Amino acid sequence: MPGYFTRNQLVPIGGHTYRLRVLSDKTQVADPDGHGARLGMSAAQWSLFGQVWPAGRLLAQAMHRFDIAGKRILELGCGIGLASLVLQRRGADVVASDVHPLAEGFLAYNAALNALPTVQYRQLRWDVPLPSLGHFDVIIAGDVFYERDDALLLIEVIARHACPDGEVLVTDPGGEHSSRLNRLMARQGFETLEERCPMDDRDTPPYRGRLLHYTRAPGVHA
């Protein structure tokens, strides 16, 4: 027994249904060796990686439409890996990353469930530089803000790994985190295109969800 329980979930994206292994509920904790705790993960945060969140679904939908030609893409906080799987199916050059000790295994399992090649994966702590990861034309993230300082940490990751004229796409349920990220990205020379999106079938305009697309003109640096 691995110490946690899972179930399969079907998620339709772009005319294709993805079969995903996810945690059976949002209250599980299975950290017998303290690995997650040593990474700074609280018991309340442990299970968050193992769900398909509405903003994660928005990110996957955006990646179904996104122009991937010639672009190296990094997903931050990939969790069970839906957006990266969508990109993998399209033949993108994608690297998935997360801090959770189980994320790599769930990502590999979900790729196999969908008859896809294994997605490149790197474990990445946002507060610890990883120079070997390299630089990317596009950095994406969905629903990754849980603490006030997370936006600041994200900015540092982008500064380390985004190409000078790179793009950043973030989906978020909205609120202060989105507004703060917009201000921080502006200081780095990025322009923001914000699209409001429904978080579920019950959401009505003005929608809660945000698709934040950041671009920086060539020659503009932080």
Foldseek 3Di string as FASTA:
>chain_A
DQQFAWDWDWDDEPNDIFIAIFGPDQQGDRCVPCLCVVLVADSNRQRVLRDCALQNSVLLNCLLVDDQPPWAEEEESCRLNNNVLSCQVVVHNYEYEYQHPCNQVSVQVRCVSVVTPRHHYDYDDLVDDDLVVAATQEYEYEAPDDDPCPLVSVLSVCLRHYDQFHKYKYKHQADDSVVVNCVVVVVQQWDWDWDQDASDPPADPVHRMIIIMIGHDPPRGD
